[in-house]
C-alpha atoms as a PDB file:
ATOM      1  CA  MET A   1       3.537  25.954 -12.177  1.00  0.00           C
ATOM      2  CA  PHE A   2       1.341  27.861 -14.591  1.00  0.00           C
ATOM      3  CA  VAL A   3      -2.182  26.653 -15.384  1.00  0.00           C
ATOM      4  CA  GLN A   4      -4.089  28.115 -18.305  1.00  0.00           C
ATOM      5  CA  MET A   5      -7.820  27.448 -18.750  1.00  0.00           C
ATOM      6  CA  ARG A   6      -9.914  28.216 -21.816  1.00  0.00           C
ATOM      7  CA  THR A   7     -13.621  27.578 -22.334  1.00  0.00           C
ATOM      8  CA  ILE A   8     -14.922  26.853 -25.818  1.00  0.00           C
ATOM      9  CA  LYS A   9     -18.603  26.573 -26.762  1.00  0.00           C
ATOM     10  CA  THR A  10     -19.695  24.640 -29.831  1.00  0.00           C
ATOM     11  CA  THR A  11     -23.012  23.756 -31.348  1.00  0.00           C
ATOM     12  CA  GLU A  12     -24.423  20.473 -30.115  1.00  0.00           C
ATOM     13  CA  GLY A  13     -22.528  17.484 -31.482  1.00  0.00           C
ATOM     14  CA  ASN A  14     -19.471  19.399 -32.716  1.00  0.00           C
ATOM     15  CA  ALA A  15     -17.350  19.107 -29.569  1.00  0.00           C
ATOM     16  CA  ARG A  16     -15.621  16.077 -31.089  1.00  0.00           C
ATOM     17  CA  HIS A  17     -13.994  18.321 -33.720  1.00  0.00           C
ATOM     18  CA  VAL A  18     -12.366  20.420 -30.994  1.00  0.00           C
ATOM     19  CA  VAL A  19     -11.218  17.291 -29.145  1.00  0.00           C
ATOM     20  CA  GLU A  20      -9.683  15.966 -32.389  1.00  0.00           C
ATOM     21  CA  ARG A  21      -7.897  19.283 -32.915  1.00  0.00           C
ATOM     22  CA  PHE A  22      -6.276  19.121 -29.479  1.00  0.00           C
ATOM     23  CA  SER A  23      -5.466  15.384 -29.603  1.00  0.00           C
ATOM     24  CA  GLY A  24      -2.286  15.776 -31.660  1.00  0.00           C
ATOM     25  CA  GLU A  25       1.038  17.323 -30.722  1.00  0.00           C
ATOM     26  CA  GLY A  26       1.402  21.016 -31.510  1.00  0.00           C
ATOM     27  CA  ILE A  27       3.784  23.878 -30.873  1.00  0.00           C
ATOM     28  CA  VAL A  28       2.919  24.281 -27.182  1.00  0.00           C
ATOM     29  CA  GLU A  29       3.844  20.683 -26.359  1.00  0.00           C
ATOM     30  CA  LYS A  30       7.376  21.277 -27.655  1.00  0.00           C
ATOM     31  CA  HIS A  31       8.065  24.248 -25.347  1.00  0.00           C
ATOM     32  CA  PRO A  32      10.373  23.677 -22.383  1.00  0.00           C
ATOM     33  CA  GLY A  33       8.360  23.251 -19.199  1.00  0.00           C
ATOM     34  CA  PHE A  34       5.237  21.793 -20.843  1.00  0.00           C
ATOM     35  CA  VAL A  35       3.604  19.312 -18.450  1.00  0.00           C
ATOM     36  CA  ASP A  36       0.242  18.327 -19.949  1.00  0.00           C
ATOM     37  CA  ARG A  37      -3.014  19.409 -21.558  1.00  0.00           C
ATOM     38  CA  THR A  38      -6.512  18.197 -20.676  1.00  0.00           C
ATOM     39  CA  VAL A  39      -9.702  18.648 -22.698  1.00  0.00           C
ATOM     40  CA  MET A  40     -12.968  18.164 -20.792  1.00  0.00           C
ATOM     41  CA  VAL A  41     -16.368  18.088 -22.505  1.00  0.00           C
ATOM     42  CA  LYS A  42     -19.737  18.931 -20.964  1.00  0.00           C
ATOM     43  CA  LYS A  43     -22.539  17.790 -23.230  1.00  0.00           C
ATOM     44  CA  CYS A  44     -25.764  19.723 -23.536  1.00  0.00           C
ATOM     45  CA  ALA A  45     -28.277  18.320 -21.071  1.00  0.00           C
ATOM     46  CA  ALA A  46     -31.393  20.334 -21.913  1.00  0.00           C
ATOM     47  CA  VAL A  47     -33.109  20.310 -25.280  1.00  0.00           C
ATOM     48  CA  LYS A  48     -34.382  23.709 -26.381  1.00  0.00           C
ATOM     49  CA  LYS A  49     -36.105  24.899 -29.508  1.00  0.00           C
ATOM     50  CA  SER A  50     -33.120  27.070 -30.374  1.00  0.00           C
ATOM     51  CA  GLY A  51     -30.700  24.196 -29.771  1.00  0.00           C
ATOM     52  CA  CYS A  52     -27.984  24.100 -27.168  1.00  0.00           C
ATOM     53  CA  ASN A  53     -24.230  24.292 -26.954  1.00  0.00           C
ATOM     54  CA  ASP A  54     -21.639  21.779 -25.823  1.00  0.00           C
ATOM     55  CA  SER A  55     -19.013  23.325 -23.575  1.00  0.00           C
ATOM     56  CA  LEU A  56     -15.332  22.359 -23.497  1.00  0.00           C
ATOM     57  CA  ALA A  57     -12.695  23.307 -20.974  1.00  0.00           C
ATOM     58  CA  VAL A  58      -9.081  23.137 -22.160  1.00  0.00           C
ATOM     59  CA  ARG A  59      -6.438  23.159 -19.421  1.00  0.00           C
ATOM     60  CA  GLY A  60      -2.720  23.441 -20.082  1.00  0.00           C
ATOM     61  CA  ARG A  61      -0.076  23.088 -17.376  1.00  0.00           C
ATOM     62  CA  LEU A  62       3.474  24.394 -17.672  1.00  0.00           C
ATOM     63  CA  GLU A  63       6.347  24.157 -15.229  1.00  0.00           C
ATOM     64  CA  ALA A  64       7.783  27.503 -14.157  1.00  0.00           C
ATOM     65  CA  LEU A  65      11.336  27.650 -15.513  1.00  0.00           C
ATOM     66  CA  GLY A  66      13.968  30.141 -14.509  1.00  0.00           C
ATOM     67  CA  LYS A  67      15.473  32.379 -17.204  1.00  0.00           C
ATOM     68  CA  GLU A  68      18.702  30.367 -17.082  1.00  0.00           C
ATOM     69  CA  ARG A  69      16.822  27.182 -18.120  1.00  0.00           C
ATOM     70  CA  CYS A  70      15.030  28.535 -21.188  1.00  0.00           C
ATOM     71  CA  SER A  71      15.844  30.877 -24.055  1.00  0.00           C
ATOM     72  CA  TYR A  72      12.685  33.004 -23.733  1.00  0.00           C
ATOM     73  CA  CYS A  73      10.482  34.415 -21.021  1.00  0.00           C
ATOM     74  CA  TRP A  74       6.649  34.270 -21.110  1.00  0.00           C
ATOM     75  CA  SER A  75       6.151  37.152 -18.689  1.00  0.00           C
END
């Protein structure tokens, strides 16, 4: 199984736009071996004069397929 993690930082209050973007089905979900995708949000806890950022972690999991089971290779 392959697990891919990405971290995205947004200005405070804009994390919902990223969550909306990842809520629908896209190209990755149609690939053979796709298992799931999770979006986790960490809200800004401290208030600073300069503002703070919300942080999102996007995790995608894909099943490892042999070359005979798919028409392409990601390696």
